[in-house]
C-alpha cells in the first residue's frame, strides 16, 4: 500500500508539473499575441519630431548648469523675446521648413519602402522655399534596390524642392547613386565617398558535385537565360556575356552620375575606387565638408527643422520575436 501511494504521488507530481508548464507556455503565447495586437509601434504610422525644440532644450539645460542664476534668468528672458520676434516674422512671412529623412542602407536597400512613404508625405506639404535633407549611410547593394531609392529622391527635385544629402560615414556604390541626385552633397571630412563600379560574384560547386558523383541538370529557354550558375559547369561564352552585362550596368551608372554631377570627370571617378571626404571634395564628388550635426544646428537658426520617419507594420513572426525579446528582457 505504501509503495502504491509513493508511485501515485510521483505520478501526480509529474502530471501536475506537465500541466503547469503547459499553462505557463500558453500564458506566454497569449501575452505575446496580445502585445502584438495592442502595441501602436507595430502599426504603419508617420512620426514627426521638431528638432528646434530639441536643440533649444539642450541649450537651456546646459545654461542652467553653467551660468550664474542671474545670467540664466536673463538668458531665459532673451529666449522669450526671440520667440516673440520669430512669431511676429512668421505672422507676416512664411518661414522655411527643413524636413529630415534618415536612410540606413543595407545590401537589399530594404529601407526604400519607408523612404518612399516619407517622401510622399513631405511632398503633400512642401513648397519651393523648403528643403529636404537626407542623412544617408550606405555602402551600396543591389542595383534595382538602389535605383529605386535614387528615383524616389528624384521626385523631390522634380517638385522644385531643394534636396540636400549629408553623409557622415559612407555613401559608396549604390549609396552614391542615391547621393548624386541631390542639389548639394555634404560630407564629413573622413566619410567614404564614391566606388562608382559594379561587381558580380558567386561560388561554383560543379567540381565538388562531380567528385561526389552527383549530376546537376539545368534546362533553359533563351540563349542567355542563365550565363553563370552555382552548380552547373560555367563556360567562357557565359562568362563573356556576364561581363558584358556588368559593363553595361557600369555604363548606365556612369551616365546617371554624369547627368546629375555634370562638373565631374567621370572617367577619373568611375574606376570603382572610393575616396575620403577631403579627396572627394577635390574630385567634385561632394560640394562641402561638414557633419550633419553642424549643418542642422546652423539651419535651425533660420528654419523649422522636422525629423520625419515612416514606420511599416511588421510581420507577425517579427512582432512575436520583438515582443518575446522585450518580455524576457523586462522592457
Protein backbone atom coordinates (compact mmCIF):
# COMPACT_ATOMS: atom_id res chain seq x y z
CA UNK A 1 0.00 0.00 0.00
CA UNK A 2 2.83 2.39 0.89
CA UNK A 3 4.58 1.59 -2.42
CA UNK A 4 1.35 2.29 -4.32
CA UNK A 5 0.88 5.63 -2.61
CA UNK A 6 4.51 6.58 -3.35
CA UNK A 7 4.18 5.74 -7.04
CA UNK A 8 0.83 7.51 -7.23
CA UNK A 9 2.33 10.58 -5.58
CA UNK A 10 5.20 10.62 -8.10
CA UNK A 11 2.74 10.26 -10.99
CA UNK A 12 0.58 13.07 -9.62
CA UNK A 13 3.62 15.34 -9.20
CA UNK A 14 4.80 14.70 -12.77
CA UNK A 15 1.30 15.26 -14.16
CA UNK A 16 0.94 18.49 -12.20
CA UNK A 17 4.33 19.69 -13.47
CA UNK A 18 3.39 18.98 -17.11
CA UNK A 19 0.06 20.79 -16.71
CA UNK A 20 1.73 23.79 -15.08
CA UNK A 21 4.37 24.00 -17.83
CA UNK A 22 1.62 23.84 -20.46
CA UNK A 23 -0.34 26.61 -18.72
CA UNK A 24 2.77 28.81 -18.41
CA UNK A 25 3.61 28.29 -22.11
CA UNK A 26 0.02 29.02 -23.13
CA UNK A 27 0.01 32.12 -20.94
CA UNK A 28 3.24 33.43 -22.51
CA UNK A 29 1.88 32.89 -26.02
CA UNK A 30 -1.37 34.68 -25.07
CA UNK A 31 0.56 37.65 -23.63
CA UNK A 32 2.75 37.86 -26.73
CA UNK A 33 -0.25 37.78 -29.06
CA UNK A 34 -1.99 40.50 -27.06
CA UNK A 35 1.11 42.66 -27.12
CA UNK A 36 1.46 42.31 -30.89
CA UNK A 37 -2.14 43.42 -31.30
CA UNK A 38 -2.04 46.39 -28.98
CA UNK A 39 1.47 47.76 -29.49
CA UNK A 40 1.00 51.02 -31.50
CA UNK A 41 4.63 50.97 -32.58
CA UNK A 42 3.89 47.99 -34.84
CA UNK A 43 1.26 49.86 -36.85
CA UNK A 44 2.11 51.78 -40.01
CA UNK A 45 2.46 55.38 -38.92
CA UNK A 46 4.26 58.64 -39.59
CA UNK A 47 6.45 60.10 -36.87
CA UNK A 48 7.34 63.80 -36.89
CA UNK A 49 9.65 65.45 -34.37
CA UNK A 50 10.61 69.13 -34.33
CA UNK A 51 14.37 69.31 -33.83
CA UNK A 52 14.43 73.04 -32.98
CA UNK A 53 12.85 72.22 -29.65
CA UNK A 54 15.42 69.50 -29.00
CA UNK A 55 18.34 71.87 -29.65
CA UNK A 56 16.73 74.60 -27.57
CA UNK A 57 16.11 72.29 -24.61
CA UNK A 58 19.70 71.10 -24.70
CA UNK A 59 20.91 74.70 -24.66
CA UNK A 60 18.65 75.67 -21.75
CA UNK A 61 19.70 72.64 -19.68
CA UNK A 62 23.38 73.36 -20.24
CA UNK A 63 22.98 77.07 -19.43
CA UNK A 64 21.10 76.23 -16.22
CA UNK A 65 24.06 74.14 -15.11
CA UNK A 66 26.85 76.51 -16.14
CA UNK A 67 25.56 80.10 -15.83
CA UNK A 68 25.12 82.08 -12.61
CA UNK A 69 21.49 82.34 -11.52
CA UNK A 70 21.13 85.95 -12.65
CA UNK A 71 22.70 85.29 -16.03
CA UNK A 72 20.48 82.24 -16.54
CA UNK A 73 17.34 84.28 -15.85
CA UNK A 74 18.49 86.85 -18.39
CA UNK A 75 19.12 84.07 -20.92
CA UNK A 76 15.53 82.85 -20.44
CA UNK A 77 14.21 86.40 -20.98
CA UNK A 78 16.26 86.72 -24.16
CA UNK A 79 14.85 83.39 -25.36
CA UNK A 80 11.27 84.59 -24.80
CA UNK A 81 12.00 87.78 -26.73
CA UNK A 82 13.48 85.70 -29.55
CA UNK A 83 10.33 83.56 -29.66
CA UNK A 84 8.12 86.66 -29.91
CA UNK A 85 10.24 88.10 -32.72
CA UNK A 86 10.08 84.79 -34.63
CA UNK A 87 6.31 84.66 -34.12
CA UNK A 88 5.91 88.21 -35.47
CA UNK A 89 8.01 87.36 -38.51
CA UNK A 90 6.10 84.12 -39.17
CA UNK A 91 2.79 86.02 -38.96
CA UNK A 92 3.86 88.17 -41.93
CA UNK A 93 6.14 85.88 -43.92
CA UNK A 94 6.27 82.14 -44.46
CA UNK A 95 9.14 80.55 -42.54
CA UNK A 96 11.31 77.97 -44.28
CA UNK A 97 10.86 74.35 -43.24
CA UNK A 98 13.55 71.68 -43.43
CA UNK A 99 12.37 68.06 -43.50
CA UNK A 100 14.94 65.49 -42.39
CA UNK A 101 14.88 61.87 -43.54
CA UNK A 102 17.28 59.12 -42.47
CA UNK A 103 18.32 56.29 -44.78
CA UNK A 104 20.37 53.45 -43.28
CA UNK A 105 21.12 51.27 -46.29
CA UNK A 106 21.75 47.53 -46.42
CA UNK A 107 22.57 45.28 -49.38
CA UNK A 108 18.90 44.99 -50.41
CA UNK A 109 18.11 48.69 -49.83
CA UNK A 110 15.24 47.43 -47.68
CA UNK A 111 14.54 50.88 -46.19
CA UNK A 112 13.37 52.18 -49.56
CA UNK A 113 9.77 51.32 -48.64
CA UNK A 114 9.89 53.67 -45.65
CA UNK A 115 11.79 56.28 -47.67
CA UNK A 116 9.15 56.42 -50.41
CA UNK A 117 6.32 56.88 -47.88
CA UNK A 118 8.23 59.59 -46.05
CA UNK A 119 8.87 61.45 -49.31
CA UNK A 120 5.23 61.12 -50.35
CA UNK A 121 4.13 62.61 -47.03
CA UNK A 122 6.59 65.52 -47.29
CA UNK A 123 5.62 66.36 -50.87
CA UNK A 124 2.00 66.86 -49.80
CA UNK A 125 3.04 69.95 -47.80
CA UNK A 126 6.50 71.06 -49.04
CA UNK A 127 6.86 74.29 -51.02
CA UNK A 128 9.75 75.55 -53.20
CA UNK A 129 11.18 77.57 -50.29
CA UNK A 130 11.52 74.40 -48.20
CA UNK A 131 14.34 71.86 -48.14
CA UNK A 132 14.61 68.11 -47.71
CA UNK A 133 17.76 66.82 -46.00
CA UNK A 134 18.57 63.12 -46.29
CA UNK A 135 21.03 61.74 -43.74
CA UNK A 136 22.46 58.94 -45.86
CA UNK A 137 24.58 55.99 -44.80
CA UNK A 138 25.11 53.09 -47.19
CA UNK A 139 27.92 51.05 -48.70
CA UNK A 140 25.69 50.01 -51.60
CA UNK A 141 23.96 46.85 -52.71
CA UNK A 142 21.65 45.54 -55.43
CA UNK A 143 21.22 47.76 -58.48
CA UNK A 144 17.42 47.60 -58.68
CA UNK A 145 17.00 48.44 -54.98
CA UNK A 146 19.27 51.48 -55.04
CA UNK A 147 17.99 52.52 -58.46
CA UNK A 148 14.50 52.75 -56.95
CA UNK A 149 15.83 54.66 -53.93
CA UNK A 150 17.54 57.18 -56.24
CA UNK A 151 14.31 57.54 -58.23
CA UNK A 152 12.44 58.33 -55.02
CA UNK A 153 14.90 61.16 -54.29
CA UNK A 154 14.45 62.47 -57.84
CA UNK A 155 10.77 63.03 -57.02
CA UNK A 156 11.85 65.77 -54.58
CA UNK A 157 13.84 67.69 -57.18
CA UNK A 158 11.13 67.28 -59.80
CA UNK A 159 8.73 69.08 -57.43
CA UNK A 160 11.13 72.02 -57.24
CA UNK A 161 12.11 71.37 -53.61
CA UNK A 162 15.78 71.66 -52.69
CA UNK A 163 17.37 68.30 -51.86
CA UNK A 164 20.48 68.07 -49.71
CA UNK A 165 22.24 64.79 -48.90
CA UNK A 166 24.54 64.67 -45.88
CA UNK A 167 26.99 61.79 -45.45
CA UNK A 168 28.64 61.33 -42.07
CA UNK A 169 30.16 57.88 -42.64
CA UNK A 170 29.71 56.28 -46.05
CA UNK A 171 27.86 56.73 -49.36
CA UNK A 172 29.51 54.29 -51.74
CA UNK A 173 28.35 52.47 -54.86
CA UNK A 174 24.53 52.39 -54.64
CA UNK A 175 24.77 54.84 -51.77
CA UNK A 176 26.48 57.35 -54.05
CA UNK A 177 23.92 56.61 -56.77
CA UNK A 178 21.38 58.00 -54.33
CA UNK A 179 23.55 60.91 -53.17
CA UNK A 180 24.38 62.22 -56.65
CA UNK A 181 20.71 63.10 -57.23
CA UNK A 182 20.89 65.92 -54.66
CA UNK A 183 21.23 69.61 -55.39
CA UNK A 184 24.07 69.57 -52.91
CA UNK A 185 26.11 66.80 -51.29
CA UNK A 186 27.72 67.46 -47.91
CA UNK A 187 30.18 65.01 -46.37
CA UNK A 188 32.18 64.70 -43.18
CA UNK A 189 35.94 65.05 -43.78
CA UNK A 190 36.57 61.31 -43.49
CA UNK A 191 33.32 59.96 -44.90
CA UNK A 192 33.78 57.30 -47.60
CA UNK A 193 32.51 58.53 -50.96
CA UNK A 194 32.39 57.07 -54.47
CA UNK A 195 33.03 53.49 -55.53
CA UNK A 196 31.28 54.02 -58.86
CA UNK A 197 31.60 50.46 -60.07
CA UNK A 198 29.71 47.19 -60.37
CA UNK A 199 30.55 43.74 -59.02
CA UNK A 200 29.05 40.31 -59.55
CA UNK A 201 30.23 37.18 -57.79
CA UNK A 202 29.04 33.68 -56.91
CA UNK A 203 30.57 30.36 -55.80
CA UNK A 204 30.60 27.36 -58.15
CA UNK A 205 30.27 23.80 -56.78
CA UNK A 206 30.40 21.94 -60.07
CA UNK A 207 33.74 20.16 -59.44
CA UNK A 208 32.65 19.17 -55.94
CA UNK A 209 29.45 17.64 -57.31
CA UNK A 210 31.44 15.70 -59.91
CA UNK A 211 33.76 14.32 -57.23
CA UNK A 212 30.68 13.14 -55.32
CA UNK A 213 29.19 11.59 -58.49
CA UNK A 214 26.22 13.95 -58.35
CA UNK A 215 24.64 15.05 -61.64
CA UNK A 216 23.15 18.51 -61.99
CA UNK A 217 20.62 19.26 -64.71
CA UNK A 218 19.58 22.74 -65.78
CA UNK A 219 17.13 23.40 -68.61
CA UNK A 220 16.68 26.90 -70.05
CA UNK A 221 14.86 28.51 -72.96
CA UNK A 222 16.68 31.51 -74.36
CA UNK A 223 20.36 31.64 -75.22
CA UNK A 224 21.32 33.80 -72.27
CA UNK A 225 18.63 32.89 -69.75
CA UNK A 226 21.45 31.76 -67.46
CA UNK A 227 25.03 32.92 -68.03
CA UNK A 228 26.74 31.77 -64.84
CA UNK A 229 25.46 29.10 -62.47
CA UNK A 230 26.26 27.93 -58.95
CA UNK A 231 26.03 24.18 -59.58
CA UNK A 232 26.47 23.75 -63.32
CA UNK A 233 29.64 23.99 -65.41
CA UNK A 234 30.32 27.57 -66.44
CA UNK A 235 31.50 28.28 -69.97
CA UNK A 236 33.70 31.00 -71.46
CA UNK A 237 30.71 32.14 -73.51
CA UNK A 238 28.65 32.53 -70.35
CA UNK A 239 31.47 34.42 -68.63
CA UNK A 240 31.80 36.83 -71.57
CA UNK A 241 28.07 37.52 -71.53
CA UNK A 242 28.09 38.11 -67.77
CA UNK A 243 30.99 40.54 -68.22
CA UNK A 244 29.06 42.37 -70.95
CA UNK A 245 26.10 42.75 -68.64
CA UNK A 246 28.31 44.15 -65.87
CA UNK A 247 29.93 46.61 -68.28
CA UNK A 248 26.52 47.77 -69.49
CA UNK A 249 25.33 48.28 -65.91
CA UNK A 250 28.52 50.20 -65.15
CA UNK A 251 27.95 52.48 -68.14
CA UNK A 252 24.39 53.17 -67.00
CA UNK A 253 25.75 54.03 -63.56
CA UNK A 254 28.34 56.40 -65.05
CA UNK A 255 25.74 58.09 -67.26
CA UNK A 256 23.44 58.56 -64.27
CA UNK A 257 26.18 60.18 -62.17
CA UNK A 258 27.24 62.45 -65.05
CA UNK A 259 23.64 63.58 -65.61
CA UNK A 260 23.45 64.73 -62.01
CA UNK A 261 27.07 65.81 -61.44
CA UNK A 262 27.98 67.39 -64.78
CA UNK A 263 31.16 69.02 -63.45
CA UNK A 264 32.86 65.73 -62.55
CA UNK A 265 35.50 63.95 -64.63
CA UNK A 266 33.54 60.72 -64.92
CA UNK A 267 36.39 58.59 -66.29
CA UNK A 268 38.56 59.55 -63.31
CA UNK A 269 35.97 58.87 -60.62
CA UNK A 270 34.24 55.80 -62.15
CA UNK A 271 37.04 53.30 -61.56
CA UNK A 272 35.37 51.59 -58.61
CA UNK A 273 37.66 53.40 -56.15
CA UNK A 274 36.40 55.26 -53.11
CA UNK A 275 37.74 58.43 -51.50
CA UNK A 276 37.52 60.12 -48.13
CA UNK A 277 35.61 63.38 -47.86
CA UNK A 278 38.53 65.74 -48.41
CA UNK A 279 39.64 63.96 -51.59
CA UNK A 280 36.03 63.62 -52.73
CA UNK A 281 35.67 67.41 -52.49
CA UNK A 282 38.73 67.87 -54.72
CA UNK A 283 37.21 65.46 -57.26
CA UNK A 284 33.86 67.32 -57.09
CA UNK A 285 32.04 64.24 -55.84
CA UNK A 286 30.75 66.40 -52.96
CA UNK A 287 30.15 70.13 -52.56
CA UNK A 288 31.03 70.85 -48.94
CA UNK A 289 32.70 69.33 -45.89
CA UNK A 290 30.52 69.39 -42.80
CA UNK A 291 28.86 66.99 -40.37
CA UNK A 292 25.10 66.56 -40.23
CA UNK A 293 25.09 67.94 -36.67
CA UNK A 294 26.67 71.25 -37.67
CA UNK A 295 24.51 71.56 -40.77
CA UNK A 296 21.21 71.02 -38.95
CA UNK A 297 22.15 73.19 -35.98
CA UNK A 298 23.01 76.05 -38.33
CA UNK A 299 19.80 75.53 -40.34
CA UNK A 300 17.74 75.63 -37.13
CA UNK A 301 18.67 79.28 -36.68
CA UNK A 302 16.72 80.25 -39.80
CA UNK A 303 14.19 77.46 -40.33
CA UNK A 304 11.91 74.98 -38.61
CA UNK A 305 13.52 71.53 -38.68
CA UNK A 306 11.34 68.41 -38.69
CA UNK A 307 12.61 64.83 -38.45
CA UNK A 308 10.24 62.63 -40.47
CA UNK A 309 10.08 58.84 -40.18
CA UNK A 310 7.59 56.37 -41.62
CA UNK A 311 7.37 53.02 -39.83
CA UNK A 312 5.88 49.95 -41.50
CA UNK A 313 3.77 47.24 -39.90
CA UNK A 314 5.97 44.26 -39.01
CA UNK A 315 5.11 40.72 -39.99
CA UNK A 316 3.54 38.52 -37.30
CA UNK A 317 6.72 36.48 -36.80
CA UNK A 318 8.81 39.66 -36.43
CA UNK A 319 6.31 41.07 -33.94
CA UNK A 320 6.32 37.84 -31.91
CA UNK A 321 10.11 37.81 -31.70
CA UNK A 322 10.20 41.51 -30.82
CA UNK A 323 7.59 41.09 -28.11
CA UNK A 324 9.31 37.99 -26.74
CA UNK A 325 12.62 39.83 -26.56
CA UNK A 326 11.08 42.75 -24.68
CA UNK A 327 9.06 40.45 -22.42
CA UNK A 328 12.02 38.39 -21.26
CA UNK A 329 14.38 41.35 -21.04
CA UNK A 330 11.95 43.15 -18.75
CA UNK A 331 11.41 46.08 -21.16
